Amino acid sequence: MGFSVVTWARTFNGVALGLLLWTAEAAALEKPAGDIVLTVGGQVSETNAPSAAVFDMAMLSALPQTKFEATTRWTDTAVFEGVLLRDLLEAVGAEGTQIVATALNEFSATIPMDDVVELPVLLATRVNGEPMKVRDFGPLWIVYDVDGRPDLQNLQTERKMVWQLKELVVR
């Protein structure tokens, strides 16, 4: 049996999340008006394209936004902004135990659902207040909040920080 983000959230967040889930269920995924920047497929129940949910930047920006400061191997300390991966996966009704993240250059990494639930894993759309361009890791970058977490400061975590993200497949 796969792990459900929605089931976890209901178990640990009680009534407050019940209202959030009601809101998310009431608002079906719209079709993107702009260029598609992300496709989410696999074990998802909310779709707006054949067998997948597709998003443009405006749709991602309409989801709850988070920001944190982090230092990566590729950047100095920077402020990353975007949607928590758990919020995105909840919006598409994801159920599974892992997510395969694929970049524009076909690099892929597998992210355990436990990471998404337990850690602030961000689907960053902006860095230091600016939208990211393809040449600067964008337009989407999965970023772990590794500052202050020595257990996350390793090659295994870095490998999961997929930049130039184009697709997520929930398994």
N, C-alpha and C. Protein backbone atom coordinates (compact mmCIF):
# COMPACT_ATOMS: atom_id res chain seq x y z
N MET A 1 0.84 -1.18 0.00
CA MET A 1 0.00 0.00 0.00
C MET A 1 0.88 1.23 0.00
N GLY A 2 0.60 2.20 -0.82
CA GLY A 2 1.40 3.41 -0.93
C GLY A 2 1.09 4.40 0.17
N PHE A 3 2.00 5.30 0.39
CA PHE A 3 1.83 6.34 1.38
C PHE A 3 1.04 7.47 0.77
N SER A 4 0.07 8.00 1.46
CA SER A 4 -0.75 9.09 0.96
C SER A 4 -0.44 10.37 1.72
N VAL A 5 -0.08 11.40 1.01
CA VAL A 5 0.17 12.69 1.64
C VAL A 5 -1.10 13.17 2.33
N VAL A 6 -2.22 12.99 1.69
CA VAL A 6 -3.49 13.43 2.24
C VAL A 6 -3.79 12.67 3.53
N THR A 7 -3.60 11.35 3.56
CA THR A 7 -3.85 10.56 4.76
C THR A 7 -2.95 11.02 5.89
N TRP A 8 -1.67 11.22 5.62
CA TRP A 8 -0.75 11.70 6.64
C TRP A 8 -1.22 13.04 7.19
N ALA A 9 -1.57 13.93 6.30
CA ALA A 9 -1.95 15.26 6.71
C ALA A 9 -3.19 15.23 7.59
N ARG A 10 -4.18 14.42 7.25
CA ARG A 10 -5.39 14.33 8.05
C ARG A 10 -5.07 13.77 9.43
N THR A 11 -4.18 12.82 9.50
CA THR A 11 -3.84 12.19 10.76
C THR A 11 -3.15 13.17 11.70
N PHE A 12 -2.27 14.00 11.17
CA PHE A 12 -1.48 14.85 12.04
C PHE A 12 -1.96 16.29 12.14
N ASN A 13 -2.83 16.72 11.28
CA ASN A 13 -3.25 18.11 11.32
C ASN A 13 -4.72 18.31 11.64
N GLY A 14 -5.45 17.25 11.80
CA GLY A 14 -6.81 17.33 12.28
C GLY A 14 -7.73 18.22 11.51
N VAL A 15 -8.55 18.95 12.25
CA VAL A 15 -9.62 19.75 11.69
C VAL A 15 -9.11 20.84 10.77
N ALA A 16 -8.03 21.51 11.15
CA ALA A 16 -7.52 22.61 10.32
C ALA A 16 -7.23 22.14 8.91
N LEU A 17 -6.64 20.96 8.77
CA LEU A 17 -6.35 20.47 7.43
C LEU A 17 -7.62 20.00 6.74
N GLY A 18 -8.59 19.53 7.50
CA GLY A 18 -9.87 19.15 6.89
C GLY A 18 -10.44 20.31 6.10
N LEU A 19 -10.33 21.51 6.62
CA LEU A 19 -10.80 22.68 5.91
C LEU A 19 -9.93 22.95 4.68
N LEU A 20 -8.63 22.78 4.83
CA LEU A 20 -7.71 22.96 3.70
C LEU A 20 -8.01 21.95 2.61
N LEU A 21 -8.24 20.69 2.98
CA LEU A 21 -8.56 19.68 1.99
C LEU A 21 -9.88 19.99 1.29
N TRP A 22 -10.84 20.47 2.04
CA TRP A 22 -12.12 20.81 1.44
C TRP A 22 -11.92 21.90 0.39
N THR A 23 -11.11 22.88 0.71
CA THR A 23 -10.83 23.96 -0.23
C THR A 23 -10.11 23.42 -1.47
N ALA A 24 -9.12 22.57 -1.25
CA ALA A 24 -8.37 22.02 -2.38
C ALA A 24 -9.27 21.16 -3.26
N GLU A 25 -10.16 20.38 -2.64
CA GLU A 25 -11.04 19.52 -3.42
C GLU A 25 -12.08 20.33 -4.17
N ALA A 26 -12.48 21.46 -3.60
CA ALA A 26 -13.50 22.28 -4.23
C ALA A 26 -12.97 22.98 -5.47
N ALA A 27 -11.67 23.23 -5.52
CA ALA A 27 -11.07 23.93 -6.64
C ALA A 27 -10.35 22.92 -7.53
N ALA A 28 -11.02 22.49 -8.58
CA ALA A 28 -10.40 21.55 -9.52
C ALA A 28 -9.25 22.26 -10.24
N LEU A 29 -8.31 21.47 -10.70
CA LEU A 29 -7.18 22.04 -11.43
C LEU A 29 -7.67 22.66 -12.73
N GLU A 30 -7.31 23.90 -12.91
CA GLU A 30 -7.64 24.58 -14.16
C GLU A 30 -6.60 24.23 -15.21
N LYS A 31 -6.90 24.54 -16.43
CA LYS A 31 -5.94 24.37 -17.52
C LYS A 31 -4.97 25.55 -17.46
N PRO A 32 -3.70 25.30 -17.76
CA PRO A 32 -2.74 26.41 -17.75
C PRO A 32 -3.03 27.39 -18.88
N ALA A 33 -2.86 28.68 -18.57
CA ALA A 33 -3.05 29.72 -19.58
C ALA A 33 -1.71 30.05 -20.25
N GLY A 34 -0.63 29.83 -19.52
CA GLY A 34 0.71 30.13 -20.04
C GLY A 34 1.45 28.87 -20.43
N ASP A 35 2.73 29.03 -20.65
CA ASP A 35 3.58 27.89 -21.01
C ASP A 35 3.64 26.88 -19.88
N ILE A 36 3.53 25.62 -20.21
CA ILE A 36 3.62 24.55 -19.21
C ILE A 36 5.07 24.44 -18.75
N VAL A 37 5.28 24.54 -17.43
CA VAL A 37 6.63 24.43 -16.88
C VAL A 37 6.82 23.15 -16.07
N LEU A 38 5.71 22.48 -15.71
CA LEU A 38 5.81 21.27 -14.90
C LEU A 38 4.66 20.32 -15.21
N THR A 39 5.02 19.04 -15.36
CA THR A 39 4.04 17.97 -15.51
C THR A 39 4.18 17.05 -14.31
N VAL A 40 3.05 16.73 -13.68
CA VAL A 40 3.04 15.81 -12.55
C VAL A 40 2.16 14.63 -12.94
N GLY A 41 2.76 13.45 -13.01
CA GLY A 41 2.03 12.26 -13.43
C GLY A 41 2.20 11.11 -12.46
N GLY A 42 1.81 9.94 -12.91
CA GLY A 42 1.89 8.76 -12.05
C GLY A 42 0.64 8.64 -11.21
N GLN A 43 0.81 8.36 -9.93
CA GLN A 43 -0.32 8.13 -9.03
C GLN A 43 -0.88 9.45 -8.51
N VAL A 44 -1.62 10.14 -9.37
CA VAL A 44 -2.28 11.39 -9.01
C VAL A 44 -3.75 11.27 -9.39
N SER A 45 -4.62 11.85 -8.56
CA SER A 45 -6.05 11.75 -8.83
C SER A 45 -6.63 13.02 -9.45
N GLU A 46 -5.96 14.14 -9.31
CA GLU A 46 -6.42 15.41 -9.89
C GLU A 46 -5.59 15.70 -11.13
N THR A 47 -6.23 15.75 -12.27
CA THR A 47 -5.52 15.99 -13.52
C THR A 47 -6.22 17.09 -14.32
N ASN A 48 -5.49 17.69 -15.22
CA ASN A 48 -6.06 18.67 -16.15
C ASN A 48 -5.52 18.43 -17.56
N ALA A 49 -4.89 17.28 -17.73
CA ALA A 49 -4.36 16.84 -19.03
C ALA A 49 -4.48 15.31 -19.01
N PRO A 50 -4.33 14.66 -20.14
CA PRO A 50 -4.42 13.20 -20.14
C PRO A 50 -3.42 12.56 -19.17
N SER A 51 -3.93 11.93 -18.12
CA SER A 51 -3.13 11.17 -17.14
C SER A 51 -2.10 12.00 -16.38
N ALA A 52 -2.26 13.30 -16.32
CA ALA A 52 -1.28 14.13 -15.61
C ALA A 52 -1.89 15.47 -15.21
N ALA A 53 -1.20 16.14 -14.34
CA ALA A 53 -1.52 17.52 -13.98
C ALA A 53 -0.40 18.38 -14.55
N VAL A 54 -0.76 19.42 -15.28
CA VAL A 54 0.24 20.31 -15.86
C VAL A 54 0.05 21.70 -15.26
N PHE A 55 1.18 22.39 -15.09
CA PHE A 55 1.18 23.69 -14.42
C PHE A 55 1.97 24.71 -15.23
N ASP A 56 1.43 25.93 -15.25
CA ASP A 56 2.22 27.07 -15.71
C ASP A 56 2.68 27.82 -14.44
N MET A 57 3.48 28.84 -14.60
CA MET A 57 4.01 29.55 -13.43
C MET A 57 2.91 30.20 -12.60
N ALA A 58 1.88 30.71 -13.24
CA ALA A 58 0.79 31.35 -12.49
C ALA A 58 0.08 30.33 -11.59
N MET A 59 -0.10 29.12 -12.09
CA MET A 59 -0.76 28.08 -11.28
C MET A 59 0.11 27.71 -10.09
N LEU A 60 1.42 27.60 -10.29
CA LEU A 60 2.32 27.29 -9.17
C LEU A 60 2.33 28.44 -8.17
N SER A 61 2.27 29.66 -8.65
CA SER A 61 2.27 30.83 -7.76
C SER A 61 0.98 30.94 -6.97
N ALA A 62 -0.10 30.35 -7.46
CA ALA A 62 -1.39 30.40 -6.77
C ALA A 62 -1.44 29.42 -5.59
N LEU A 63 -0.53 28.46 -5.54
CA LEU A 63 -0.46 27.53 -4.41
C LEU A 63 0.20 28.24 -3.23
N PRO A 64 0.01 27.74 -2.00
CA PRO A 64 0.65 28.39 -0.84
C PRO A 64 2.16 28.53 -1.06
N GLN A 65 2.68 29.70 -0.78
CA GLN A 65 4.09 29.99 -1.03
C GLN A 65 4.90 29.96 0.27
N THR A 66 6.14 29.53 0.14
CA THR A 66 7.07 29.43 1.27
C THR A 66 8.42 29.96 0.80
N LYS A 67 9.20 30.45 1.73
CA LYS A 67 10.58 30.82 1.39
C LYS A 67 11.48 30.50 2.57
N PHE A 68 12.72 30.18 2.23
CA PHE A 68 13.73 29.99 3.26
C PHE A 68 15.09 30.31 2.67
N GLU A 69 16.02 30.55 3.58
CA GLU A 69 17.39 30.85 3.19
C GLU A 69 18.19 29.56 3.27
N ALA A 70 18.96 29.30 2.25
CA ALA A 70 19.78 28.08 2.23
C ALA A 70 21.05 28.33 1.42
N THR A 71 22.05 27.53 1.73
CA THR A 71 23.30 27.55 0.98
C THR A 71 23.41 26.20 0.29
N THR A 72 23.75 26.22 -0.98
CA THR A 72 23.92 24.97 -1.72
C THR A 72 25.35 24.91 -2.23
N ARG A 73 25.71 23.77 -2.76
CA ARG A 73 27.03 23.61 -3.36
C ARG A 73 27.19 24.58 -4.54
N TRP A 74 26.08 24.95 -5.17
CA TRP A 74 26.11 25.73 -6.40
C TRP A 74 25.84 27.21 -6.20
N THR A 75 25.41 27.58 -4.98
CA THR A 75 25.09 28.98 -4.71
C THR A 75 25.65 29.38 -3.35
N ASP A 76 25.84 30.68 -3.20
CA ASP A 76 26.08 31.22 -1.86
C ASP A 76 24.73 31.17 -1.14
N THR A 77 24.69 31.64 0.08
CA THR A 77 23.43 31.70 0.79
C THR A 77 22.46 32.53 -0.03
N ALA A 78 21.26 32.00 -0.23
CA ALA A 78 20.26 32.66 -1.05
C ALA A 78 18.88 32.42 -0.44
N VAL A 79 17.94 33.27 -0.80
CA VAL A 79 16.55 33.09 -0.38
C VAL A 79 15.81 32.42 -1.53
N PHE A 80 15.32 31.21 -1.26
CA PHE A 80 14.57 30.44 -2.25
C PHE A 80 13.08 30.57 -1.93
N GLU A 81 12.28 30.80 -2.97
CA GLU A 81 10.84 30.95 -2.80
C GLU A 81 10.11 30.02 -3.76
N GLY A 82 8.96 29.54 -3.31
CA GLY A 82 8.14 28.69 -4.16
C GLY A 82 7.12 27.94 -3.33
N VAL A 83 6.72 26.80 -3.82
CA VAL A 83 5.69 25.98 -3.17
C VAL A 83 6.36 24.75 -2.56
N LEU A 84 5.96 24.41 -1.34
CA LEU A 84 6.47 23.18 -0.76
C LEU A 84 6.00 22.01 -1.61
N LEU A 85 6.87 21.07 -1.83
CA LEU A 85 6.53 19.92 -2.66
C LEU A 85 5.32 19.18 -2.08
N ARG A 86 5.20 19.13 -0.76
CA ARG A 86 4.05 18.44 -0.15
C ARG A 86 2.75 19.14 -0.52
N ASP A 87 2.75 20.47 -0.61
CA ASP A 87 1.52 21.20 -0.99
C ASP A 87 1.16 20.94 -2.45
N LEU A 88 2.15 20.91 -3.31
CA LEU A 88 1.90 20.60 -4.72
C LEU A 88 1.33 19.19 -4.87
N LEU A 89 1.94 18.23 -4.19
CA LEU A 89 1.48 16.85 -4.29
C LEU A 89 0.08 16.67 -3.70
N GLU A 90 -0.22 17.41 -2.67
CA GLU A 90 -1.57 17.38 -2.11
C GLU A 90 -2.58 17.92 -3.12
N ALA A 91 -2.21 18.98 -3.82
CA ALA A 91 -3.11 19.59 -4.80
C ALA A 91 -3.46 18.65 -5.94
N VAL A 92 -2.58 17.72 -6.26
CA VAL A 92 -2.84 16.78 -7.35
C VAL A 92 -3.32 15.41 -6.84
N GLY A 93 -3.53 15.30 -5.53
CA GLY A 93 -4.02 14.05 -4.96
C GLY A 93 -3.02 12.91 -5.11
N ALA A 94 -1.76 13.21 -4.85
CA ALA A 94 -0.69 12.21 -5.02
C ALA A 94 -0.75 11.15 -3.93
N GLU A 95 -0.55 9.90 -4.34
CA GLU A 95 -0.42 8.79 -3.40
C GLU A 95 0.69 7.89 -3.91
N GLY A 96 1.67 7.66 -3.07
CA GLY A 96 2.78 6.82 -3.45
C GLY A 96 3.86 6.85 -2.40
N THR A 97 4.96 6.21 -2.68
CA THR A 97 6.06 6.15 -1.72
C THR A 97 7.29 6.90 -2.20
N GLN A 98 7.28 7.31 -3.47
CA GLN A 98 8.43 8.04 -4.01
C GLN A 98 8.01 8.90 -5.19
N ILE A 99 8.88 9.87 -5.48
CA ILE A 99 8.66 10.77 -6.60
C ILE A 99 9.92 10.73 -7.45
N VAL A 100 9.76 10.54 -8.75
CA VAL A 100 10.91 10.62 -9.66
C VAL A 100 10.86 12.01 -10.28
N ALA A 101 11.92 12.78 -10.03
CA ALA A 101 12.04 14.14 -10.55
C ALA A 101 12.98 14.13 -11.74
N THR A 102 12.53 14.71 -12.86
CA THR A 102 13.33 14.70 -14.09
C THR A 102 13.55 16.13 -14.57
N ALA A 103 14.80 16.41 -14.95
CA ALA A 103 15.20 17.73 -15.42
C ALA A 103 15.10 17.83 -16.94
N LEU A 104 15.25 19.04 -17.45
CA LEU A 104 15.21 19.28 -18.89
C LEU A 104 16.25 18.45 -19.64
N ASN A 105 17.40 18.19 -19.00
CA ASN A 105 18.45 17.42 -19.67
C ASN A 105 18.30 15.91 -19.43
N GLU A 106 17.16 15.49 -18.90
CA GLU A 106 16.80 14.09 -18.62
C GLU A 106 17.49 13.51 -17.38
N PHE A 107 18.28 14.30 -16.64
CA PHE A 107 18.79 13.84 -15.35
C PHE A 107 17.58 13.56 -14.47
N SER A 108 17.63 12.48 -13.70
CA SER A 108 16.51 12.20 -12.79
C SER A 108 17.03 11.73 -11.45
N ALA A 109 16.21 11.94 -10.44
CA ALA A 109 16.52 11.50 -9.09
C ALA A 109 15.22 11.06 -8.43
N THR A 110 15.35 10.10 -7.53
CA THR A 110 14.19 9.61 -6.80
C THR A 110 14.16 10.23 -5.41
N ILE A 111 13.03 10.78 -5.06
CA ILE A 111 12.84 11.43 -3.77
C ILE A 111 11.84 10.61 -2.97
N PRO A 112 12.22 10.13 -1.80
CA PRO A 112 11.27 9.38 -0.98
C PRO A 112 10.13 10.29 -0.50
N MET A 113 8.91 9.77 -0.46
CA MET A 113 7.78 10.56 0.01
C MET A 113 8.01 11.00 1.46
N ASP A 114 8.75 10.21 2.23
CA ASP A 114 9.05 10.59 3.61
C ASP A 114 9.78 11.93 3.65
N ASP A 115 10.68 12.19 2.72
CA ASP A 115 11.37 13.49 2.66
C ASP A 115 10.35 14.62 2.51
N VAL A 116 9.42 14.42 1.60
CA VAL A 116 8.43 15.44 1.28
C VAL A 116 7.55 15.75 2.49
N VAL A 117 7.20 14.71 3.24
CA VAL A 117 6.33 14.87 4.40
C VAL A 117 7.08 15.44 5.60
N GLU A 118 8.29 14.98 5.83
CA GLU A 118 9.02 15.32 7.06
C GLU A 118 9.89 16.57 6.96
N LEU A 119 10.27 16.96 5.75
CA LEU A 119 11.22 18.05 5.57
C LEU A 119 10.62 19.17 4.72
N PRO A 120 11.12 20.39 4.89
CA PRO A 120 10.69 21.44 3.98
C PRO A 120 11.43 21.32 2.64
N VAL A 121 10.85 20.55 1.72
CA VAL A 121 11.40 20.39 0.38
C VAL A 121 10.64 21.37 -0.52
N LEU A 122 11.36 22.29 -1.09
CA LEU A 122 10.75 23.38 -1.84
C LEU A 122 10.87 23.19 -3.34
N LEU A 123 9.80 23.46 -4.05
CA LEU A 123 9.85 23.57 -5.50
C LEU A 123 10.04 25.07 -5.75
N ALA A 124 11.30 25.48 -5.84
CA ALA A 124 11.63 26.90 -5.94
C ALA A 124 11.34 27.43 -7.33
N THR A 125 10.70 28.60 -7.35
CA THR A 125 10.43 29.31 -8.59
C THR A 125 11.19 30.63 -8.66
N ARG A 126 11.72 31.05 -7.51
CA ARG A 126 12.44 32.32 -7.43
C ARG A 126 13.65 32.15 -6.52
N VAL A 127 14.70 32.87 -6.81
CA VAL A 127 15.85 32.92 -5.91
C VAL A 127 16.21 34.39 -5.73
N ASN A 128 16.37 34.80 -4.49
CA ASN A 128 16.65 36.20 -4.14
C ASN A 128 15.65 37.14 -4.80
N GLY A 129 14.38 36.71 -4.83
CA GLY A 129 13.30 37.54 -5.34
C GLY A 129 13.13 37.55 -6.86
N GLU A 130 14.00 36.87 -7.57
CA GLU A 130 13.95 36.89 -9.04
C GLU A 130 13.55 35.53 -9.59
N PRO A 131 12.73 35.52 -10.65
CA PRO A 131 12.44 34.24 -11.32
C PRO A 131 13.74 33.63 -11.85
N MET A 132 13.83 32.32 -11.80
CA MET A 132 15.04 31.64 -12.28
C MET A 132 14.93 31.36 -13.77
N LYS A 133 15.98 31.65 -14.48
CA LYS A 133 16.06 31.33 -15.90
C LYS A 133 16.69 29.95 -16.04
N VAL A 134 16.52 29.34 -17.20
CA VAL A 134 17.08 28.01 -17.43
C VAL A 134 18.59 28.01 -17.18
N ARG A 135 19.28 29.04 -17.61
CA ARG A 135 20.74 29.08 -17.42
C ARG A 135 21.13 29.27 -15.95
N ASP A 136 20.15 29.61 -15.10
CA ASP A 136 20.40 29.81 -13.67
C ASP A 136 19.59 28.83 -12.82
N PHE A 137 19.60 27.55 -13.23
CA PHE A 137 18.96 26.46 -12.49
C PHE A 137 17.44 26.39 -12.64
N GLY A 138 16.83 27.28 -13.37
CA GLY A 138 15.37 27.36 -13.44
C GLY A 138 14.79 26.69 -14.66
N PRO A 139 13.53 26.85 -14.86
CA PRO A 139 12.68 27.74 -14.08
C PRO A 139 12.24 27.15 -12.73
N LEU A 140 12.46 25.86 -12.52
CA LEU A 140 12.07 25.21 -11.26
C LEU A 140 13.26 24.43 -10.70
N TRP A 141 13.41 24.49 -9.38
CA TRP A 141 14.52 23.80 -8.72
C TRP A 141 14.03 23.21 -7.41
N ILE A 142 14.24 21.92 -7.21
CA ILE A 142 13.91 21.29 -5.93
C ILE A 142 15.05 21.59 -4.97
N VAL A 143 14.71 22.26 -3.86
CA VAL A 143 15.72 22.69 -2.90
C VAL A 143 15.33 22.18 -1.51
N TYR A 144 16.27 21.51 -0.87
CA TYR A 144 16.10 21.08 0.52
C TYR A 144 16.64 22.19 1.43
N ASP A 145 15.99 22.41 2.55
CA ASP A 145 16.45 23.38 3.54
C ASP A 145 17.55 22.70 4.37
N VAL A 146 18.78 22.75 3.87
CA VAL A 146 19.89 22.02 4.49
C VAL A 146 20.63 22.82 5.56
N ASP A 147 20.43 24.12 5.59
CA ASP A 147 21.12 24.93 6.60
C ASP A 147 20.65 24.50 7.99
N GLY A 148 21.60 24.32 8.88
CA GLY A 148 21.27 23.90 10.24
C GLY A 148 20.93 22.42 10.35
N ARG A 149 21.07 21.67 9.27
CA ARG A 149 20.77 20.23 9.28
C ARG A 149 21.98 19.47 8.75
N PRO A 150 22.99 19.24 9.59
CA PRO A 150 24.18 18.52 9.13
C PRO A 150 23.87 17.16 8.52
N ASP A 151 22.79 16.52 8.97
CA ASP A 151 22.43 15.21 8.42
C ASP A 151 21.98 15.28 6.96
N LEU A 152 21.62 16.48 6.50
CA LEU A 152 21.19 16.65 5.10
C LEU A 152 22.30 17.19 4.21
N GLN A 153 23.41 17.57 4.79
CA GLN A 153 24.50 18.16 4.02
C GLN A 153 25.41 17.05 3.50
N ASN A 154 24.92 16.38 2.45
CA ASN A 154 25.66 15.25 1.88
C ASN A 154 25.31 15.09 0.41
N LEU A 155 26.06 14.24 -0.28
CA LEU A 155 25.84 14.03 -1.72
C LEU A 155 24.48 13.42 -2.01
N GLN A 156 23.98 12.58 -1.13
CA GLN A 156 22.67 11.94 -1.35
C GLN A 156 21.57 13.00 -1.42
N THR A 157 21.60 13.97 -0.51
CA THR A 157 20.60 15.05 -0.55
C THR A 157 20.83 15.94 -1.76
N GLU A 158 22.08 16.28 -2.04
CA GLU A 158 22.37 17.13 -3.20
C GLU A 158 21.87 16.52 -4.50
N ARG A 159 21.96 15.21 -4.63
CA ARG A 159 21.51 14.53 -5.84
C ARG A 159 20.00 14.70 -6.05
N LYS A 160 19.26 14.84 -4.97
CA LYS A 160 17.80 14.99 -5.06
C LYS A 160 17.39 16.44 -5.35
N MET A 161 18.33 17.37 -5.32
CA MET A 161 18.03 18.78 -5.57
C MET A 161 18.09 19.04 -7.09
N VAL A 162 17.10 18.55 -7.78
CA VAL A 162 17.06 18.62 -9.25
C VAL A 162 16.72 20.03 -9.69
N TRP A 163 17.61 20.60 -10.50
CA TRP A 163 17.31 21.91 -11.08
C TRP A 163 16.84 21.72 -12.52
N GLN A 164 16.32 22.79 -13.09
CA GLN A 164 15.72 22.75 -14.43
C GLN A 164 14.68 21.63 -14.49
N LEU A 165 13.92 21.50 -13.40
CA LEU A 165 12.90 20.46 -13.27
C LEU A 165 11.82 20.62 -14.32
N LYS A 166 11.42 19.52 -14.93
CA LYS A 166 10.31 19.57 -15.90
C LYS A 166 9.19 18.61 -15.55
N GLU A 167 9.50 17.53 -14.77
CA GLU A 167 8.48 16.52 -14.54
C GLU A 167 8.67 15.82 -13.19
N LEU A 168 7.53 15.50 -12.58
CA LEU A 168 7.50 14.68 -11.38
C LEU A 168 6.58 13.50 -11.67
N VAL A 169 7.02 12.29 -11.32
CA VAL A 169 6.19 11.11 -11.46
C VAL A 169 6.07 10.46 -10.09
N VAL A 170 4.85 10.34 -9.62
CA VAL A 170 4.58 9.77 -8.31
C VAL A 170 4.40 8.27 -8.46
N ARG A 171 5.15 7.49 -7.67
CA ARG A 171 5.06 6.03 -7.73
C ARG A 171 4.71 5.48 -6.37
